[in-house]
Amino acid sequence: MSIKIYQKYRDYLDYVSHQKSKCAIGSLMHVKILTEIWERDVKFFYEDFLLYKDIILSCKDGICLGARCGNEVEALMRIGCQYGKFFGMDLNAHPPFVVKGDFHDLDYDDNSFDFIYSNSFDHSLHPEKFVSECERVLRPGGYCLLYLCVGESDEWGVNAFDEYQEIIDLFKNSTVYNQELKMDARTPAEAFQYCMLMTRINQ
């Protein structure tokens, strides 16, 4: 089996335009995240991060890829991470937590971070590039924590896979540190299983 790209785009600019539309400033999703579901989602991320609290707090800095408005960054602050040392990145900037950037082409030097988190892997048009960029910017011994779910996601989802091993195989310079199966029940009627996959860059 292989990772399937199920969204069709004319070119990369078309892909970027579509992805930016999900949480553009003033969009329905943007307003909903900042008002109706902000605290719900921060608590969801917080509970996931608690599983890895000691590891995360041992890291001096980190970046959340595809962070939309930055709920996950707020959650990292709540477990004790330093504001400014941990931040989010998305195609749309959302101050104060999220700067503008593209996870297929990270504008950071090699060995820049101790920690990466993302729950947006399914939005990647080039999954192998997503992973290689994570490995490039992580320092030796650094951690990558991904929220992964099998199958197609929302209308902005781009790739799908059948087995978590397909994602693990993309990591060429890392070792699997932990896998944790959980349930995402933020919308109880649409609850589904997901995997928290943590890898560690080889020393």
C-alpha atoms as a PDB file:
ATOM      1  CA  MET A   1       0.000   0.000   0.000  1.00  0.00           C
ATOM      2  CA  SER A   2       1.067   3.607  -0.439  1.00  0.00           C
ATOM      3  CA  ILE A   3      -0.101   7.036   0.657  1.00  0.00           C
ATOM      4  CA  LYS A   4      -2.811   8.218  -1.728  1.00  0.00           C
ATOM      5  CA  ILE A   5      -3.192  11.835  -2.852  1.00  0.00           C
ATOM      6  CA  TYR A   6      -6.940  12.128  -3.393  1.00  0.00           C
ATOM      7  CA  GLN A   7      -7.344  15.882  -3.876  1.00  0.00           C
ATOM      8  CA  LYS A   8      -6.639  17.112  -7.394  1.00  0.00           C
ATOM      9  CA  TYR A   9      -5.013  20.488  -8.001  1.00  0.00           C
ATOM     10  CA  ARG A  10      -4.001  22.331 -11.158  1.00  0.00           C
ATOM     11  CA  ASP A  11      -0.644  23.212  -9.636  1.00  0.00           C
ATOM     12  CA  TYR A  12       0.992  24.024  -6.311  1.00  0.00           C
ATOM     13  CA  LEU A  13      -0.445  27.539  -6.213  1.00  0.00           C
ATOM     14  CA  ASP A  14      -3.926  26.050  -6.517  1.00  0.00           C
ATOM     15  CA  TYR A  15      -3.142  23.747  -3.582  1.00  0.00           C
ATOM     16  CA  VAL A  16      -1.896  26.633  -1.450  1.00  0.00           C
ATOM     17  CA  SER A  17      -4.943  28.764  -2.279  1.00  0.00           C
ATOM     18  CA  HIS A  18      -7.315  25.958  -1.298  1.00  0.00           C
ATOM     19  CA  GLN A  19      -5.514  25.244   1.966  1.00  0.00           C
ATOM     20  CA  LYS A  20      -5.378  28.923   2.922  1.00  0.00           C
ATOM     21  CA  SER A  21      -9.144  29.174   2.474  1.00  0.00           C
ATOM     22  CA  LYS A  22      -9.826  26.829   5.405  1.00  0.00           C
ATOM     23  CA  CYS A  23      -8.891  29.342   8.075  1.00  0.00           C
ATOM     24  CA  ALA A  24      -8.478  32.647   6.291  1.00  0.00           C
ATOM     25  CA  ILE A  25      -8.985  35.628   8.590  1.00  0.00           C
ATOM     26  CA  GLY A  26     -12.690  36.364   8.769  1.00  0.00           C
ATOM     27  CA  SER A  27     -13.745  32.975   7.373  1.00  0.00           C
ATOM     28  CA  LEU A  28     -16.408  30.920   9.114  1.00  0.00           C
ATOM     29  CA  MET A  29     -13.771  28.469  10.381  1.00  0.00           C
ATOM     30  CA  HIS A  30     -11.561  31.292  11.655  1.00  0.00           C
ATOM     31  CA  VAL A  31     -14.411  32.839  13.620  1.00  0.00           C
ATOM     32  CA  LYS A  32     -15.548  29.452  14.945  1.00  0.00           C
ATOM     33  CA  ILE A  33     -12.073  28.518  16.186  1.00  0.00           C
ATOM     34  CA  LEU A  34     -11.572  31.836  17.954  1.00  0.00           C
ATOM     35  CA  THR A  35     -14.974  31.812  19.631  1.00  0.00           C
ATOM     36  CA  GLU A  36     -17.083  28.667  19.726  1.00  0.00           C
ATOM     37  CA  ILE A  37     -14.449  25.898  19.870  1.00  0.00           C
ATOM     38  CA  TRP A  38     -11.241  27.604  21.079  1.00  0.00           C
ATOM     39  CA  GLU A  39     -11.330  26.303  24.648  1.00  0.00           C
ATOM     40  CA  ARG A  40     -12.591  22.863  23.594  1.00  0.00           C
ATOM     41  CA  ASP A  41      -9.689  22.383  21.210  1.00  0.00           C
ATOM     42  CA  VAL A  42      -7.082  23.809  23.587  1.00  0.00           C
ATOM     43  CA  LYS A  43      -8.190  21.267  26.199  1.00  0.00           C
ATOM     44  CA  PHE A  44      -8.024  18.480  23.608  1.00  0.00           C
ATOM     45  CA  PHE A  45      -4.432  19.341  22.681  1.00  0.00           C
ATOM     46  CA  TYR A  46      -3.528  19.848  26.342  1.00  0.00           C
ATOM     47  CA  GLU A  47      -4.653  16.329  27.214  1.00  0.00           C
ATOM     48  CA  ASP A  48      -2.595  14.883  24.363  1.00  0.00           C
ATOM     49  CA  PHE A  49       0.490  16.873  25.368  1.00  0.00           C
ATOM     50  CA  LEU A  50       0.197  15.738  28.988  1.00  0.00           C
ATOM     51  CA  LEU A  51       1.162  12.227  27.811  1.00  0.00           C
ATOM     52  CA  TYR A  52       4.518  13.643  26.720  1.00  0.00           C
ATOM     53  CA  LYS A  53       4.861  16.504  29.209  1.00  0.00           C
ATOM     54  CA  ASP A  54       8.294  15.546  30.544  1.00  0.00           C
ATOM     55  CA  ILE A  55       9.704  15.133  27.032  1.00  0.00           C
ATOM     56  CA  ILE A  56       8.198  18.375  25.744  1.00  0.00           C
ATOM     57  CA  LEU A  57       9.407  20.378  28.734  1.00  0.00           C
ATOM     58  CA  SER A  58      12.908  18.976  28.211  1.00  0.00           C
ATOM     59  CA  CYS A  59      12.903  20.696  24.794  1.00  0.00           C
ATOM     60  CA  LYS A  60      14.069  24.296  24.693  1.00  0.00           C
ATOM     61  CA  ASP A  61      12.005  25.236  21.619  1.00  0.00           C
ATOM     62  CA  GLY A  62       9.459  23.891  19.183  1.00  0.00           C
ATOM     63  CA  ILE A  63       7.139  24.568  16.263  1.00  0.00           C
ATOM     64  CA  CYS A  64       3.589  23.411  15.493  1.00  0.00           C
ATOM     65  CA  LEU A  65       3.059  22.898  11.751  1.00  0.00           C
ATOM     66  CA  GLY A  66      -0.306  23.687  10.166  1.00  0.00           C
ATOM     67  CA  ALA A  67      -1.387  25.332  13.414  1.00  0.00           C
ATOM     68  CA  ARG A  68      -4.318  27.404  12.048  1.00  0.00           C
ATOM     69  CA  CYS A  69      -5.088  29.879  14.876  1.00  0.00           C
ATOM     70  CA  GLY A  70      -2.735  28.320  17.423  1.00  0.00           C
ATOM     71  CA  ASN A  71      -4.883  26.298  19.833  1.00  0.00           C
ATOM     72  CA  GLU A  72      -2.066  23.773  20.195  1.00  0.00           C
ATOM     73  CA  VAL A  73       0.416  26.543  21.011  1.00  0.00           C
ATOM     74  CA  GLU A  74      -1.887  27.788  23.772  1.00  0.00           C
ATOM     75  CA  ALA A  75      -2.017  24.196  25.077  1.00  0.00           C
ATOM     76  CA  LEU A  76       1.798  24.019  25.121  1.00  0.00           C
ATOM     77  CA  MET A  77       1.890  27.239  27.153  1.00  0.00           C
ATOM     78  CA  ARG A  78      -0.485  25.653  29.656  1.00  0.00           C
ATOM     79  CA  ILE A  79       1.816  22.692  30.268  1.00  0.00           C
ATOM     80  CA  GLY A  80       4.698  25.067  30.911  1.00  0.00           C
ATOM     81  CA  CYS A  81       6.401  25.783  27.580  1.00  0.00           C
ATOM     82  CA  GLN A  82       7.945  29.231  27.171  1.00  0.00           C
ATOM     83  CA  TYR A  83       6.003  31.737  25.084  1.00  0.00           C
ATOM     84  CA  GLY A  84       7.999  32.707  22.014  1.00  0.00           C
ATOM     85  CA  LYS A  85      10.211  29.632  22.143  1.00  0.00           C
ATOM     86  CA  PHE A  86       7.253  27.472  21.067  1.00  0.00           C
ATOM     87  CA  PHE A  87       5.057  28.814  18.284  1.00  0.00           C
ATOM     88  CA  GLY A  88       2.873  27.779  15.370  1.00  0.00           C
ATOM     89  CA  MET A  89       3.233  28.067  11.610  1.00  0.00           C
ATOM     90  CA  ASP A  90       0.551  28.006   8.922  1.00  0.00           C
ATOM     91  CA  LEU A  91      -0.038  29.282   5.390  1.00  0.00           C
ATOM     92  CA  ASN A  92      -1.966  32.120   7.048  1.00  0.00           C
ATOM     93  CA  ALA A  93      -0.308  34.020   9.906  1.00  0.00           C
ATOM     94  CA  HIS A  94      -2.466  34.318  13.033  1.00  0.00           C
ATOM     95  CA  PRO A  95      -0.729  36.449  15.678  1.00  0.00           C
ATOM     96  CA  PRO A  96       0.240  36.072  18.436  1.00  0.00           C
ATOM     97  CA  PHE A  97       0.824  32.332  18.185  1.00  0.00           C
ATOM     98  CA  VAL A  98       1.146  31.547  14.460  1.00  0.00           C
ATOM     99  CA  VAL A  99       3.593  32.841  11.837  1.00  0.00           C
ATOM    100  CA  LYS A 100       3.296  32.407   8.075  1.00  0.00           C
ATOM    101  CA  GLY A 101       5.095  29.510   6.413  1.00  0.00           C
ATOM    102  CA  ASP A 102       4.840  26.334   4.339  1.00  0.00           C
ATOM    103  CA  PHE A 103       5.560  22.961   5.942  1.00  0.00           C
ATOM    104  CA  HIS A 104       6.804  21.618   2.600  1.00  0.00           C
ATOM    105  CA  ASP A 105       9.573  24.242   2.574  1.00  0.00           C
ATOM    106  CA  LEU A 106      10.408  25.362   6.099  1.00  0.00           C
ATOM    107  CA  ASP A 107      12.242  28.673   6.242  1.00  0.00           C
ATOM    108  CA  TYR A 108      14.534  27.542   9.057  1.00  0.00           C
ATOM    109  CA  ASP A 109      18.090  26.313   9.184  1.00  0.00           C
ATOM    110  CA  ASP A 110      19.027  22.690   9.769  1.00  0.00           C
ATOM    111  CA  ASN A 111      18.969  21.685  13.458  1.00  0.00           C
ATOM    112  CA  SER A 112      16.731  24.595  14.514  1.00  0.00           C
ATOM    113  CA  PHE A 113      14.262  22.920  16.907  1.00  0.00           C
ATOM    114  CA  ASP A 114      13.997  20.306  19.637  1.00  0.00           C
ATOM    115  CA  PHE A 115      10.292  19.602  19.092  1.00  0.00           C
ATOM    116  CA  ILE A 116       7.753  19.544  16.246  1.00  0.00           C
ATOM    117  CA  TYR A 117       4.023  18.879  16.535  1.00  0.00           C
ATOM    118  CA  SER A 118       1.430  18.647  13.779  1.00  0.00           C
ATOM    119  CA  ASN A 119      -2.115  17.410  13.371  1.00  0.00           C
ATOM    120  CA  SER A 120      -2.116  18.542   9.733  1.00  0.00           C
ATOM    121  CA  PHE A 121      -0.170  15.748   8.063  1.00  0.00           C
ATOM    122  CA  ASP A 122      -3.326  14.816   6.120  1.00  0.00           C
ATOM    123  CA  HIS A 123      -3.180  18.260   4.469  1.00  0.00           C
ATOM    124  CA  SER A 124       0.235  17.593   2.955  1.00  0.00           C
ATOM    125  CA  LEU A 125       0.412  17.352  -0.829  1.00  0.00           C
ATOM    126  CA  HIS A 126       3.939  15.926  -0.602  1.00  0.00           C
ATOM    127  CA  PRO A 127       4.057  13.712   2.523  1.00  0.00           C
ATOM    128  CA  GLU A 128       7.654  12.638   1.953  1.00  0.00           C
ATOM    129  CA  LYS A 129       8.715  16.306   1.797  1.00  0.00           C
ATOM    130  CA  PHE A 130       6.729  17.103   4.930  1.00  0.00           C
ATOM    131  CA  VAL A 131       8.644  14.423   6.856  1.00  0.00           C
ATOM    132  CA  SER A 132      12.043  15.224   5.369  1.00  0.00           C
ATOM    133  CA  GLU A 133      11.626  18.893   6.329  1.00  0.00           C
ATOM    134  CA  CYS A 134      10.725  17.868   9.884  1.00  0.00           C
ATOM    135  CA  GLU A 135      13.840  15.739  10.104  1.00  0.00           C
ATOM    136  CA  ARG A 136      15.992  18.484   8.588  1.00  0.00           C
ATOM    137  CA  VAL A 137      15.059  21.213  11.071  1.00  0.00           C
ATOM    138  CA  LEU A 138      15.086  19.005  14.167  1.00  0.00           C
ATOM    139  CA  ARG A 139      18.274  18.792  16.186  1.00  0.00           C
ATOM    140  CA  PRO A 140      19.825  15.376  16.909  1.00  0.00           C
ATOM    141  CA  GLY A 141      17.699  13.797  19.621  1.00  0.00           C
ATOM    142  CA  GLY A 142      14.751  16.067  18.777  1.00  0.00           C
ATOM    143  CA  TYR A 143      11.159  14.827  18.763  1.00  0.00           C
ATOM    144  CA  CYS A 144       8.407  14.885  16.148  1.00  0.00           C
ATOM    145  CA  LEU A 145       4.859  14.278  17.401  1.00  0.00           C
ATOM    146  CA  LEU A 146       2.151  13.688  14.791  1.00  0.00           C
ATOM    147  CA  TYR A 147      -1.618  13.291  15.136  1.00  0.00           C
ATOM    148  CA  LEU A 148      -2.605  10.775  12.444  1.00  0.00           C
ATOM    149  CA  CYS A 149      -5.900   9.230  11.392  1.00  0.00           C
ATOM    150  CA  VAL A 150      -6.585   6.578   8.770  1.00  0.00           C
ATOM    151  CA  GLY A 151      -8.682   7.485   5.726  1.00  0.00           C
ATOM    152  CA  GLU A 152      -9.862  10.721   4.150  1.00  0.00           C
ATOM    153  CA  SER A 153     -10.560  13.696   6.409  1.00  0.00           C
ATOM    154  CA  ASP A 154     -12.394  16.962   5.724  1.00  0.00           C
ATOM    155  CA  GLU A 155     -12.740  18.855   2.438  1.00  0.00           C
ATOM    156  CA  TRP A 156      -9.232  20.274   2.885  1.00  0.00           C
ATOM    157  CA  GLY A 157      -7.668  16.880   3.466  1.00  0.00           C
ATOM    158  CA  VAL A 158      -5.239  15.881   0.723  1.00  0.00           C
ATOM    159  CA  ASN A 159      -3.702  12.482   1.466  1.00  0.00           C
ATOM    160  CA  ALA A 160      -4.919   9.214   2.929  1.00  0.00           C
ATOM    161  CA  PHE A 161      -3.281   6.008   4.083  1.00  0.00           C
ATOM    162  CA  ASP A 162      -4.362   2.596   5.334  1.00  0.00           C
ATOM    163  CA  GLU A 163      -1.592   1.704   7.784  1.00  0.00           C
ATOM    164  CA  TYR A 164       0.420   3.875  10.173  1.00  0.00           C
ATOM    165  CA  GLN A 165       3.521   2.001   9.040  1.00  0.00           C
ATOM    166  CA  GLU A 166       3.263   3.861   5.727  1.00  0.00           C
ATOM    167  CA  ILE A 167       3.977   7.082   7.622  1.00  0.00           C
ATOM    168  CA  ILE A 168       6.697   5.564   9.773  1.00  0.00           C
ATOM    169  CA  ASP A 169       8.488   4.416   6.627  1.00  0.00           C
ATOM    170  CA  LEU A 170       8.843   8.056   5.498  1.00  0.00           C
ATOM    171  CA  PHE A 171      11.177   8.787   8.420  1.00  0.00           C
ATOM    172  CA  LYS A 172      14.714   8.072   7.238  1.00  0.00           C
ATOM    173  CA  ASN A 173      16.732   9.524  10.121  1.00  0.00           C
ATOM    174  CA  SER A 174      14.476   8.818  13.099  1.00  0.00           C
ATOM    175  CA  THR A 175      13.391   6.049  15.429  1.00  0.00           C
ATOM    176  CA  VAL A 176       9.827   5.481  16.614  1.00  0.00           C
ATOM    177  CA  TYR A 177       9.687   6.553  20.255  1.00  0.00           C
ATOM    178  CA  ASN A 178       6.024   5.872  20.990  1.00  0.00           C
ATOM    179  CA  GLN A 179       2.646   5.124  19.378  1.00  0.00           C
ATOM    180  CA  GLU A 180      -0.588   5.779  21.244  1.00  0.00           C
ATOM    181  CA  LEU A 181      -4.058   4.985  19.871  1.00  0.00           C
ATOM    182  CA  LYS A 182      -6.763   7.355  21.121  1.00  0.00           C
ATOM    183  CA  MET A 183     -10.285   8.543  20.325  1.00  0.00           C
ATOM    184  CA  ASP A 184     -11.090  12.026  19.044  1.00  0.00           C
ATOM    185  CA  ALA A 185     -14.537  12.708  20.489  1.00  0.00           C
ATOM    186  CA  ARG A 186     -14.623  16.505  20.263  1.00  0.00           C
ATOM    187  CA  THR A 187     -17.754  15.955  18.157  1.00  0.00           C
ATOM    188  CA  PRO A 188     -19.240  12.903  19.939  1.00  0.00           C
ATOM    189  CA  ALA A 189     -21.495  11.864  17.049  1.00  0.00           C
ATOM    190  CA  GLU A 190     -18.462  11.749  14.760  1.00  0.00           C
ATOM    191  CA  ALA A 191     -15.850  10.249  17.102  1.00  0.00           C
ATOM    192  CA  PHE A 192     -12.958   8.423  15.453  1.00  0.00           C
ATOM    193  CA  GLN A 193      -9.700   6.730  16.336  1.00  0.00           C
ATOM    194  CA  TYR A 194      -6.377   8.439  15.802  1.00  0.00           C
ATOM    195  CA  CYS A 195      -2.745   7.706  16.534  1.00  0.00           C
ATOM    196  CA  MET A 196      -0.219   9.873  18.335  1.00  0.00           C
ATOM    197  CA  LEU A 197       3.081   8.958  16.708  1.00  0.00           C
ATOM    198  CA  MET A 198       6.272  10.239  18.298  1.00  0.00           C
ATOM    199  CA  THR A 199       9.598   9.795  16.556  1.00  0.00           C
ATOM    200  CA  ARG A 200      13.061  10.859  17.687  1.00  0.00           C
ATOM    201  CA  ILE A 201      15.900  12.046  15.460  1.00  0.00           C
ATOM    202  CA  ASN A 202      18.864   9.703  15.616  1.00  0.00           C
ATOM    203  CA  GLN A 203      21.762  11.032  17.650  1.00  0.00           C
END
